[in-house]
């Protein structure tokens, strides 16, 4: 029997669709012991994304971008986060979108990207899946100053760091973005090849 059959009588109420769709779901859940429990969950529907960490194995550097994030600000933090370039997939292959995001946000053209993960970042309440990549770059790959797209509200600073400095910033809480931490840890575990 499929575990999907343990979910029954689901009702859905749309709560908002201003920027992204937010639904309230009520359903019967059959527990492992066979009893049934009625559960309520709010689900935020967010399109899948792609993120890429450009790294230079010769100079042992990575490219990150710093941009304002309202949720971080609302938590009482400064609000400007260091992150790997990222964006929504928008019905394109993730490999293609990550190359475009690295060019738009960081100003570098990368040709080869390597898939590192596909991850649900907040699986309890958000449908969003992130496709993570690493990509080699060199100073010769720079095509513009980066900074993102004004029409998307982006005002991005490009930051080049040594991999050791970036990992130190994870350890001391200066880099708190999960997708970026995962990509940096991948480089730390598997090396800059």
N, C-alpha and C. Protein backbone atom coordinates (compact mmCIF):
# COMPACT_ATOMS: atom_id res chain seq x y z
N UNK A 1 0.84 -1.19 0.00
CA UNK A 1 0.00 0.00 0.00
C UNK A 1 0.89 1.25 0.00
N UNK A 2 0.59 2.16 -0.89
CA UNK A 2 1.33 3.41 -0.96
C UNK A 2 1.05 4.27 0.26
N UNK A 3 2.08 4.91 0.77
CA UNK A 3 1.89 5.82 1.92
C UNK A 3 1.00 7.00 1.53
N UNK A 4 0.91 7.32 0.24
CA UNK A 4 0.04 8.41 -0.19
C UNK A 4 -1.42 8.13 0.16
N UNK A 5 -1.80 6.84 0.26
CA UNK A 5 -3.17 6.48 0.59
C UNK A 5 -3.51 6.80 2.04
N UNK A 6 -2.51 7.16 2.84
CA UNK A 6 -2.76 7.49 4.25
C UNK A 6 -3.28 8.92 4.41
N UNK A 7 -3.31 9.69 3.32
CA UNK A 7 -3.83 11.05 3.34
C UNK A 7 -5.18 11.04 2.65
N UNK A 8 -6.23 11.47 3.38
CA UNK A 8 -7.59 11.40 2.83
C UNK A 8 -8.36 12.69 3.13
N UNK A 9 -9.41 12.90 2.34
CA UNK A 9 -10.39 13.98 2.56
C UNK A 9 -9.72 15.35 2.73
N UNK A 10 -8.86 15.68 1.79
CA UNK A 10 -8.17 16.96 1.87
C UNK A 10 -9.05 18.08 1.34
N UNK A 11 -9.11 19.17 2.08
CA UNK A 11 -9.75 20.40 1.60
C UNK A 11 -8.68 21.49 1.55
N UNK A 12 -8.85 22.38 0.60
CA UNK A 12 -7.86 23.44 0.40
C UNK A 12 -8.58 24.78 0.34
N UNK A 13 -8.06 25.75 1.11
CA UNK A 13 -8.57 27.11 1.08
C UNK A 13 -7.43 28.05 0.69
N UNK A 14 -7.61 28.82 -0.36
CA UNK A 14 -6.59 29.77 -0.77
C UNK A 14 -6.61 30.96 0.19
N UNK A 15 -5.46 31.25 0.78
CA UNK A 15 -5.34 32.37 1.72
C UNK A 15 -4.81 33.63 1.06
N UNK A 16 -3.91 33.45 0.09
CA UNK A 16 -3.32 34.60 -0.59
C UNK A 16 -2.72 34.14 -1.91
N UNK A 17 -2.66 35.07 -2.85
CA UNK A 17 -1.99 34.82 -4.11
C UNK A 17 -1.40 36.13 -4.62
N UNK A 18 -0.92 36.96 -3.70
CA UNK A 18 -0.36 38.27 -4.05
C UNK A 18 0.97 38.12 -4.78
N UNK A 19 1.93 37.49 -4.12
CA UNK A 19 3.25 37.30 -4.73
C UNK A 19 3.48 35.83 -5.06
N UNK A 20 3.09 34.97 -4.15
CA UNK A 20 3.12 33.51 -4.32
C UNK A 20 1.83 32.98 -3.70
N UNK A 21 1.47 31.77 -4.06
CA UNK A 21 0.24 31.15 -3.57
C UNK A 21 0.44 30.60 -2.15
N UNK A 22 -0.47 30.94 -1.25
CA UNK A 22 -0.49 30.42 0.11
C UNK A 22 -1.84 29.76 0.33
N UNK A 23 -1.83 28.45 0.65
CA UNK A 23 -3.04 27.67 0.87
C UNK A 23 -3.09 27.12 2.27
N UNK A 24 -4.32 26.93 2.79
CA UNK A 24 -4.53 26.20 4.05
C UNK A 24 -5.11 24.84 3.68
N UNK A 25 -4.45 23.78 4.13
CA UNK A 25 -4.88 22.41 3.84
C UNK A 25 -5.36 21.75 5.13
N UNK A 26 -6.53 21.12 5.06
CA UNK A 26 -7.04 20.31 6.16
C UNK A 26 -7.22 18.91 5.61
N UNK A 27 -6.72 17.91 6.34
CA UNK A 27 -6.79 16.54 5.82
C UNK A 27 -6.77 15.54 6.97
N UNK A 28 -7.22 14.33 6.64
CA UNK A 28 -7.14 13.22 7.57
C UNK A 28 -5.84 12.47 7.30
N UNK A 29 -5.12 12.20 8.37
CA UNK A 29 -3.83 11.53 8.28
C UNK A 29 -3.91 10.23 9.06
N UNK A 30 -3.65 9.11 8.38
CA UNK A 30 -3.63 7.81 9.05
C UNK A 30 -2.25 7.59 9.65
N UNK A 31 -2.22 7.50 10.98
CA UNK A 31 -0.97 7.34 11.72
C UNK A 31 -0.45 5.91 11.60
N UNK A 32 0.79 5.68 11.99
CA UNK A 32 1.39 4.35 11.92
C UNK A 32 0.60 3.32 12.71
N UNK A 33 -0.06 3.73 13.81
CA UNK A 33 -0.83 2.78 14.62
C UNK A 33 -2.23 2.52 14.08
N UNK A 34 -2.57 3.13 12.92
CA UNK A 34 -3.86 2.90 12.29
C UNK A 34 -4.92 3.92 12.67
N UNK A 35 -4.68 4.72 13.69
CA UNK A 35 -5.64 5.76 14.07
C UNK A 35 -5.59 6.91 13.06
N UNK A 36 -6.64 7.72 13.05
CA UNK A 36 -6.73 8.84 12.13
C UNK A 36 -6.71 10.15 12.90
N UNK A 37 -5.98 11.10 12.37
CA UNK A 37 -5.85 12.41 13.00
C UNK A 37 -6.13 13.47 11.93
N UNK A 38 -6.90 14.51 12.28
CA UNK A 38 -7.14 15.63 11.37
C UNK A 38 -6.04 16.66 11.59
N UNK A 39 -5.37 17.03 10.49
CA UNK A 39 -4.26 17.98 10.56
C UNK A 39 -4.56 19.20 9.70
N UNK A 40 -4.00 20.34 10.09
CA UNK A 40 -4.12 21.59 9.34
C UNK A 40 -2.71 22.10 9.05
N UNK A 41 -2.46 22.45 7.80
CA UNK A 41 -1.15 22.96 7.42
C UNK A 41 -1.33 24.11 6.43
N UNK A 42 -0.52 25.15 6.59
CA UNK A 42 -0.46 26.21 5.60
C UNK A 42 0.75 25.94 4.71
N UNK A 43 0.53 25.95 3.41
CA UNK A 43 1.58 25.62 2.45
C UNK A 43 1.79 26.82 1.53
N UNK A 44 3.05 27.24 1.45
CA UNK A 44 3.45 28.33 0.58
C UNK A 44 4.04 27.71 -0.68
N UNK A 45 3.42 27.99 -1.82
CA UNK A 45 3.85 27.43 -3.10
C UNK A 45 4.87 28.35 -3.75
N UNK A 46 6.13 27.92 -3.79
CA UNK A 46 7.22 28.71 -4.34
C UNK A 46 7.88 27.89 -5.45
N UNK A 47 8.05 28.51 -6.61
CA UNK A 47 8.68 27.82 -7.74
C UNK A 47 10.09 27.35 -7.38
N UNK A 48 10.54 26.30 -8.06
CA UNK A 48 11.88 25.77 -7.83
C UNK A 48 12.94 26.79 -8.24
N UNK A 49 14.11 26.66 -7.63
CA UNK A 49 15.20 27.58 -7.89
C UNK A 49 16.49 26.85 -8.24
N UNK A 50 17.45 27.63 -8.71
CA UNK A 50 18.78 27.11 -9.02
C UNK A 50 19.80 28.07 -8.41
N UNK A 51 20.83 27.50 -7.80
CA UNK A 51 21.90 28.28 -7.20
C UNK A 51 23.24 27.71 -7.63
N UNK A 52 24.22 28.59 -7.79
CA UNK A 52 25.53 28.13 -8.20
C UNK A 52 26.63 28.87 -7.48
N UNK A 53 27.64 28.14 -7.06
CA UNK A 53 28.79 28.73 -6.39
C UNK A 53 29.98 28.72 -7.35
N UNK A 54 30.33 29.89 -7.89
CA UNK A 54 31.53 29.96 -8.73
C UNK A 54 32.78 29.84 -7.84
N UNK A 55 33.73 29.02 -8.27
CA UNK A 55 34.98 28.86 -7.51
C UNK A 55 36.15 28.81 -8.48
N UNK A 56 37.26 29.36 -8.02
CA UNK A 56 38.50 29.38 -8.80
C UNK A 56 39.48 28.46 -8.09
N UNK A 57 39.73 27.25 -8.65
CA UNK A 57 40.61 26.31 -7.96
C UNK A 57 42.06 26.78 -7.90
N UNK A 58 42.48 27.62 -8.85
CA UNK A 58 43.86 28.11 -8.86
C UNK A 58 44.10 29.10 -7.72
N UNK A 59 43.19 30.04 -7.57
CA UNK A 59 43.36 31.07 -6.55
C UNK A 59 42.65 30.72 -5.23
N UNK A 60 41.91 29.59 -5.23
CA UNK A 60 41.15 29.12 -4.04
C UNK A 60 40.17 30.19 -3.57
N UNK A 61 39.40 30.73 -4.54
CA UNK A 61 38.42 31.76 -4.23
C UNK A 61 37.03 31.32 -4.65
N UNK A 62 36.04 32.00 -4.07
CA UNK A 62 34.64 31.82 -4.45
C UNK A 62 34.03 33.19 -4.66
N UNK A 63 32.96 33.23 -5.47
CA UNK A 63 32.20 34.46 -5.69
C UNK A 63 30.87 34.33 -4.98
N UNK A 64 30.57 35.32 -4.13
CA UNK A 64 29.28 35.40 -3.47
C UNK A 64 28.66 36.75 -3.80
N UNK A 65 27.38 36.88 -3.52
CA UNK A 65 26.69 38.15 -3.72
C UNK A 65 26.03 38.55 -2.41
N UNK A 66 26.04 39.86 -2.15
CA UNK A 66 25.40 40.37 -0.94
C UNK A 66 24.17 41.17 -1.39
N UNK A 67 23.01 40.79 -0.80
CA UNK A 67 21.79 41.51 -1.14
C UNK A 67 20.84 41.56 0.04
N UNK A 68 19.92 42.51 -0.01
CA UNK A 68 18.97 42.71 1.08
C UNK A 68 17.91 41.62 1.07
N UNK A 69 17.62 41.07 2.25
CA UNK A 69 16.59 40.05 2.42
C UNK A 69 15.66 40.50 3.55
N UNK A 70 14.43 40.84 3.21
CA UNK A 70 13.47 41.35 4.18
C UNK A 70 13.23 40.39 5.35
N UNK A 71 13.06 39.08 5.14
CA UNK A 71 12.83 38.20 6.30
C UNK A 71 13.95 38.27 7.33
N UNK A 72 15.19 38.36 6.88
CA UNK A 72 16.32 38.48 7.80
C UNK A 72 16.24 39.80 8.57
N UNK A 73 15.91 40.86 7.88
CA UNK A 73 15.75 42.17 8.50
C UNK A 73 14.64 42.12 9.56
N UNK A 74 13.52 41.48 9.23
CA UNK A 74 12.40 41.40 10.16
C UNK A 74 12.73 40.59 11.41
N UNK A 75 13.72 39.71 11.31
CA UNK A 75 14.16 38.95 12.48
C UNK A 75 15.08 39.77 13.39
N UNK A 76 15.36 41.02 13.00
CA UNK A 76 16.21 41.88 13.80
C UNK A 76 17.66 41.89 13.37
N UNK A 77 17.97 41.17 12.29
CA UNK A 77 19.33 41.15 11.77
C UNK A 77 19.52 42.32 10.83
N UNK A 78 20.73 42.53 10.36
CA UNK A 78 21.01 43.64 9.46
C UNK A 78 20.19 43.55 8.18
N UNK A 79 20.08 42.35 7.61
CA UNK A 79 19.26 42.15 6.43
C UNK A 79 20.01 41.92 5.14
N UNK A 80 21.31 42.25 5.09
CA UNK A 80 22.10 42.04 3.87
C UNK A 80 22.86 40.73 4.03
N UNK A 81 22.51 39.73 3.22
CA UNK A 81 23.08 38.40 3.34
C UNK A 81 24.08 38.12 2.23
N UNK A 82 25.12 37.36 2.58
CA UNK A 82 26.06 36.84 1.58
C UNK A 82 25.53 35.49 1.11
N UNK A 83 25.40 35.35 -0.19
CA UNK A 83 24.81 34.13 -0.76
C UNK A 83 25.50 33.76 -2.06
N UNK A 84 25.31 32.52 -2.46
CA UNK A 84 25.67 32.10 -3.81
C UNK A 84 24.62 32.69 -4.75
N UNK A 85 24.99 33.07 -5.97
CA UNK A 85 24.00 33.56 -6.93
C UNK A 85 22.89 32.53 -7.12
N UNK A 86 21.64 33.01 -7.22
CA UNK A 86 20.50 32.10 -7.32
C UNK A 86 19.31 32.81 -7.94
N UNK A 87 18.38 32.00 -8.42
CA UNK A 87 17.13 32.54 -8.94
C UNK A 87 16.15 31.43 -9.23
N UNK A 88 14.95 31.80 -9.60
CA UNK A 88 13.92 30.81 -9.93
C UNK A 88 14.22 30.16 -11.27
N UNK A 89 13.85 28.90 -11.40
CA UNK A 89 14.11 28.14 -12.62
C UNK A 89 13.28 28.65 -13.79
N UNK A 90 12.05 29.08 -13.54
CA UNK A 90 11.18 29.65 -14.58
C UNK A 90 11.03 28.74 -15.79
N UNK A 91 10.75 27.47 -15.56
CA UNK A 91 10.50 26.48 -16.62
C UNK A 91 11.68 26.24 -17.55
N UNK A 92 12.88 26.59 -17.14
CA UNK A 92 14.09 26.32 -17.92
C UNK A 92 14.87 25.21 -17.22
N UNK A 93 15.78 24.55 -17.92
CA UNK A 93 16.64 23.59 -17.24
C UNK A 93 17.44 24.30 -16.14
N UNK A 94 17.54 23.72 -14.94
CA UNK A 94 18.28 24.36 -13.85
C UNK A 94 19.71 24.74 -14.23
N UNK A 95 20.37 23.90 -15.04
CA UNK A 95 21.75 24.18 -15.46
C UNK A 95 21.83 25.49 -16.27
N UNK A 96 20.83 25.70 -17.10
CA UNK A 96 20.79 26.92 -17.91
C UNK A 96 20.52 28.14 -17.03
N UNK A 97 19.56 28.02 -16.13
CA UNK A 97 19.20 29.16 -15.26
C UNK A 97 20.34 29.54 -14.34
N UNK A 98 21.08 28.56 -13.84
CA UNK A 98 22.16 28.91 -12.91
C UNK A 98 23.27 29.67 -13.63
N UNK A 99 23.54 29.32 -14.88
CA UNK A 99 24.53 30.08 -15.66
C UNK A 99 24.06 31.53 -15.84
N UNK A 100 22.77 31.71 -16.15
CA UNK A 100 22.21 33.05 -16.33
C UNK A 100 22.28 33.85 -15.03
N UNK A 101 21.96 33.22 -13.90
CA UNK A 101 21.99 33.92 -12.62
C UNK A 101 23.41 34.34 -12.23
N UNK A 102 24.38 33.48 -12.49
CA UNK A 102 25.77 33.83 -12.18
C UNK A 102 26.19 35.03 -13.04
N UNK A 103 25.78 35.06 -14.31
CA UNK A 103 26.11 36.19 -15.18
C UNK A 103 25.41 37.47 -14.71
N UNK A 104 24.11 37.39 -14.40
CA UNK A 104 23.34 38.57 -13.99
C UNK A 104 23.81 39.12 -12.65
N UNK A 105 23.98 38.23 -11.68
CA UNK A 105 24.25 38.68 -10.32
C UNK A 105 25.73 38.91 -10.04
N UNK A 106 26.59 38.00 -10.53
CA UNK A 106 28.02 38.10 -10.22
C UNK A 106 28.85 38.68 -11.36
N UNK A 107 28.30 38.68 -12.59
CA UNK A 107 29.02 39.26 -13.71
C UNK A 107 30.04 38.34 -14.38
N UNK A 108 29.91 37.04 -14.19
CA UNK A 108 30.85 36.08 -14.77
C UNK A 108 30.11 35.09 -15.66
N UNK A 109 30.74 34.74 -16.77
CA UNK A 109 30.22 33.70 -17.66
C UNK A 109 30.90 32.40 -17.29
N UNK A 110 30.11 31.41 -16.91
CA UNK A 110 30.66 30.08 -16.63
C UNK A 110 30.06 29.12 -17.66
N UNK A 111 30.87 28.21 -18.13
CA UNK A 111 30.36 27.30 -19.16
C UNK A 111 29.93 25.97 -18.56
N UNK A 112 30.74 25.40 -17.72
CA UNK A 112 30.42 24.08 -17.15
C UNK A 112 29.96 24.24 -15.71
N UNK A 113 28.81 23.63 -15.41
CA UNK A 113 28.31 23.60 -14.04
C UNK A 113 28.17 22.14 -13.62
N UNK A 114 28.43 21.88 -12.35
CA UNK A 114 28.34 20.52 -11.82
C UNK A 114 27.26 20.47 -10.75
N UNK A 115 26.30 19.57 -10.95
CA UNK A 115 25.20 19.42 -9.98
C UNK A 115 25.74 18.84 -8.68
N UNK A 116 25.35 19.47 -7.57
CA UNK A 116 25.79 19.04 -6.24
C UNK A 116 24.62 18.47 -5.45
N UNK A 117 23.44 19.11 -5.55
CA UNK A 117 22.29 18.63 -4.80
C UNK A 117 20.99 19.12 -5.41
N UNK A 118 19.91 18.49 -4.97
CA UNK A 118 18.54 18.94 -5.18
C UNK A 118 17.91 18.83 -3.80
N UNK A 119 17.50 19.95 -3.22
CA UNK A 119 17.10 19.94 -1.81
C UNK A 119 15.81 20.71 -1.56
N UNK A 120 14.97 20.13 -0.69
CA UNK A 120 13.82 20.84 -0.14
C UNK A 120 14.34 21.60 1.07
N UNK A 121 14.23 22.93 1.04
CA UNK A 121 14.83 23.73 2.09
C UNK A 121 13.95 23.82 3.34
N UNK A 122 12.63 23.90 3.18
CA UNK A 122 11.70 23.94 4.31
C UNK A 122 10.53 23.02 3.95
N UNK A 123 10.74 21.70 3.98
CA UNK A 123 9.74 20.77 3.45
C UNK A 123 8.43 20.70 4.23
N UNK A 124 8.39 21.25 5.42
CA UNK A 124 7.16 21.22 6.21
C UNK A 124 6.12 22.23 5.79
N UNK A 125 6.52 23.28 5.05
CA UNK A 125 5.54 24.31 4.72
C UNK A 125 5.78 25.02 3.39
N UNK A 126 6.85 24.69 2.66
CA UNK A 126 7.16 25.36 1.40
C UNK A 126 7.45 24.30 0.33
N UNK A 127 6.87 24.46 -0.86
CA UNK A 127 7.05 23.49 -1.93
C UNK A 127 8.37 23.64 -2.69
N UNK A 128 9.08 24.72 -2.46
CA UNK A 128 10.31 25.09 -3.17
C UNK A 128 11.41 24.03 -3.05
N UNK A 129 12.01 23.67 -4.18
CA UNK A 129 13.18 22.80 -4.24
C UNK A 129 14.31 23.60 -4.88
N UNK A 130 15.51 23.49 -4.32
CA UNK A 130 16.67 24.21 -4.85
C UNK A 130 17.62 23.22 -5.52
N UNK A 131 18.03 23.54 -6.74
CA UNK A 131 19.02 22.77 -7.48
C UNK A 131 20.36 23.47 -7.29
N UNK A 132 21.32 22.79 -6.65
CA UNK A 132 22.60 23.40 -6.32
C UNK A 132 23.72 22.94 -7.24
N UNK A 133 24.55 23.90 -7.66
CA UNK A 133 25.65 23.63 -8.59
C UNK A 133 26.92 24.33 -8.11
N UNK A 134 28.06 23.82 -8.55
CA UNK A 134 29.32 24.54 -8.45
C UNK A 134 29.80 24.77 -9.87
N UNK A 135 30.60 25.83 -10.06
CA UNK A 135 31.07 26.17 -11.41
C UNK A 135 32.43 26.83 -11.31
N UNK A 136 33.37 26.34 -12.09
CA UNK A 136 34.70 26.96 -12.12
C UNK A 136 34.62 28.31 -12.83
N UNK A 137 35.42 29.25 -12.31
CA UNK A 137 35.56 30.55 -12.98
C UNK A 137 37.00 30.99 -12.84
N UNK A 138 37.37 31.99 -13.64
CA UNK A 138 38.67 32.65 -13.53
C UNK A 138 38.44 34.13 -13.79
N UNK A 139 39.42 34.98 -13.48
CA UNK A 139 39.25 36.41 -13.77
C UNK A 139 38.93 36.69 -15.24
N UNK A 140 39.38 35.84 -16.15
CA UNK A 140 39.13 36.03 -17.58
C UNK A 140 37.65 35.83 -17.94
N UNK A 141 36.86 35.22 -17.06
CA UNK A 141 35.45 34.94 -17.34
C UNK A 141 34.53 36.11 -17.01
N UNK A 142 35.08 37.20 -16.49
CA UNK A 142 34.25 38.34 -16.13
C UNK A 142 33.72 39.03 -17.38
N UNK A 143 32.38 39.22 -17.42
CA UNK A 143 31.75 39.84 -18.59
C UNK A 143 31.11 41.19 -18.26
N UNK A 144 30.85 41.45 -16.98
CA UNK A 144 30.29 42.73 -16.56
C UNK A 144 30.45 42.86 -15.05
N UNK A 145 29.93 43.91 -14.48
CA UNK A 145 30.11 44.14 -13.04
C UNK A 145 29.09 43.41 -12.18
N UNK A 146 28.13 42.70 -12.80
CA UNK A 146 27.11 42.00 -12.01
C UNK A 146 26.15 43.00 -11.40
N UNK A 147 25.55 42.62 -10.29
CA UNK A 147 24.63 43.51 -9.60
C UNK A 147 23.17 43.17 -9.72
N UNK A 148 22.83 42.22 -10.59
CA UNK A 148 21.43 41.81 -10.72
C UNK A 148 20.64 42.71 -11.64
N UNK A 149 19.32 42.54 -11.59
CA UNK A 149 18.41 43.26 -12.48
C UNK A 149 17.58 44.26 -11.67
N UNK A 150 17.62 45.52 -12.06
CA UNK A 150 16.86 46.56 -11.36
C UNK A 150 15.38 46.23 -11.37
N UNK A 151 14.87 45.73 -12.51
CA UNK A 151 13.43 45.44 -12.61
C UNK A 151 12.99 44.33 -11.66
N UNK A 152 13.93 43.56 -11.13
CA UNK A 152 13.60 42.53 -10.13
C UNK A 152 13.90 43.04 -8.72
N UNK A 153 14.23 44.33 -8.60
CA UNK A 153 14.50 44.91 -7.30
C UNK A 153 15.86 44.53 -6.73
N UNK A 154 16.75 44.05 -7.60
CA UNK A 154 18.06 43.60 -7.12
C UNK A 154 19.05 44.76 -7.06
N UNK A 155 19.81 44.81 -6.01
CA UNK A 155 20.86 45.80 -5.78
C UNK A 155 22.00 45.03 -5.13
N UNK A 156 22.76 44.32 -5.95
CA UNK A 156 23.67 43.27 -5.49
C UNK A 156 25.12 43.71 -5.52
N UNK A 157 25.83 43.41 -4.43
CA UNK A 157 27.28 43.62 -4.35
C UNK A 157 27.96 42.28 -4.58
N UNK A 158 28.94 42.23 -5.45
CA UNK A 158 29.70 41.00 -5.72
C UNK A 158 30.89 40.96 -4.76
N UNK A 159 31.06 39.82 -4.10
CA UNK A 159 32.12 39.67 -3.10
C UNK A 159 32.95 38.43 -3.45
N UNK A 160 34.25 38.62 -3.63
CA UNK A 160 35.16 37.50 -3.87
C UNK A 160 35.92 37.24 -2.57
N UNK A 161 35.90 35.98 -2.13
CA UNK A 161 36.56 35.57 -0.89
C UNK A 161 37.38 34.32 -1.13
N UNK A 162 38.40 34.12 -0.30
CA UNK A 162 39.05 32.81 -0.34
C UNK A 162 38.08 31.80 0.24
N UNK A 163 38.22 30.56 -0.16
CA UNK A 163 37.35 29.51 0.37
C UNK A 163 37.52 29.41 1.88
N UNK A 164 38.74 29.57 2.37
CA UNK A 164 38.97 29.49 3.82
C UNK A 164 38.25 30.62 4.55
N UNK A 165 38.29 31.82 4.01
CA UNK A 165 37.60 32.95 4.64
C UNK A 165 36.09 32.72 4.63
N UNK A 166 35.54 32.22 3.52
CA UNK A 166 34.10 31.96 3.43
C UNK A 166 33.68 30.89 4.45
N UNK A 167 34.47 29.82 4.59
CA UNK A 167 34.14 28.78 5.57
C UNK A 167 34.23 29.34 6.99
N UNK A 168 35.19 30.22 7.23
CA UNK A 168 35.28 30.86 8.53
C UNK A 168 34.06 31.72 8.81
N UNK A 169 33.52 32.36 7.78
CA UNK A 169 32.33 33.19 7.93
C UNK A 169 31.09 32.34 8.22
N UNK A 170 31.07 31.10 7.72
CA UNK A 170 30.00 30.17 8.08
C UNK A 170 30.12 29.83 9.56
N UNK A 171 31.32 29.51 10.00
CA UNK A 171 31.55 29.10 11.39
C UNK A 171 31.21 30.20 12.38
N UNK A 172 31.47 31.47 12.02
CA UNK A 172 31.20 32.55 12.97
C UNK A 172 29.85 33.23 12.75
N UNK A 173 29.02 32.69 11.85
CA UNK A 173 27.66 33.21 11.67
C UNK A 173 27.52 34.38 10.73
N UNK A 174 28.56 34.73 9.99
CA UNK A 174 28.45 35.82 9.03
C UNK A 174 27.76 35.36 7.74
N UNK A 175 27.87 34.09 7.39
CA UNK A 175 27.14 33.52 6.26
C UNK A 175 26.11 32.57 6.87
N UNK A 176 24.81 32.90 6.67
CA UNK A 176 23.74 32.11 7.28
C UNK A 176 22.79 31.50 6.26
N UNK A 177 22.99 31.77 4.99
CA UNK A 177 22.12 31.25 3.94
C UNK A 177 22.39 29.75 3.74
N UNK A 178 21.35 28.93 3.89
CA UNK A 178 21.51 27.47 3.87
C UNK A 178 22.09 26.95 2.56
N UNK A 179 21.58 27.41 1.43
CA UNK A 179 22.07 26.89 0.14
C UNK A 179 23.55 27.21 -0.05
N UNK A 180 23.97 28.38 0.41
CA UNK A 180 25.37 28.78 0.30
C UNK A 180 26.24 27.94 1.21
N UNK A 181 25.77 27.71 2.42
CA UNK A 181 26.51 26.86 3.36
C UNK A 181 26.69 25.47 2.78
N UNK A 182 25.64 24.91 2.18
CA UNK A 182 25.72 23.57 1.60
C UNK A 182 26.75 23.52 0.47
N UNK A 183 26.77 24.55 -0.37
CA UNK A 183 27.73 24.57 -1.49
C UNK A 183 29.16 24.75 -0.98
N UNK A 184 29.36 25.63 0.00
CA UNK A 184 30.70 25.81 0.56
C UNK A 184 31.19 24.53 1.24
N UNK A 185 30.30 23.86 1.97
CA UNK A 185 30.70 22.61 2.62
C UNK A 185 31.02 21.53 1.60
N UNK A 186 30.33 21.54 0.47
CA UNK A 186 30.66 20.59 -0.60
C UNK A 186 32.10 20.81 -1.06
N UNK A 187 32.46 22.08 -1.29
CA UNK A 187 33.84 22.36 -1.71
C UNK A 187 34.84 21.96 -0.64
N UNK A 188 34.49 22.18 0.63
CA UNK A 188 35.39 21.81 1.72
C UNK A 188 35.56 20.28 1.80
N UNK A 189 34.49 19.55 1.56
CA UNK A 189 34.54 18.09 1.66
C UNK A 189 35.24 17.45 0.45
N UNK A 190 34.97 17.97 -0.73
CA UNK A 190 35.45 17.31 -1.94
C UNK A 190 36.56 18.06 -2.64
N UNK A 191 36.96 19.20 -2.11
CA UNK A 191 38.11 19.92 -2.65
C UNK A 191 37.82 20.74 -3.86
N UNK A 192 38.73 21.62 -4.15
CA UNK A 192 38.63 22.49 -5.34
C UNK A 192 39.35 21.81 -6.48
N UNK A 193 38.60 21.14 -7.34
CA UNK A 193 39.23 20.41 -8.46
C UNK A 193 39.02 21.14 -9.75
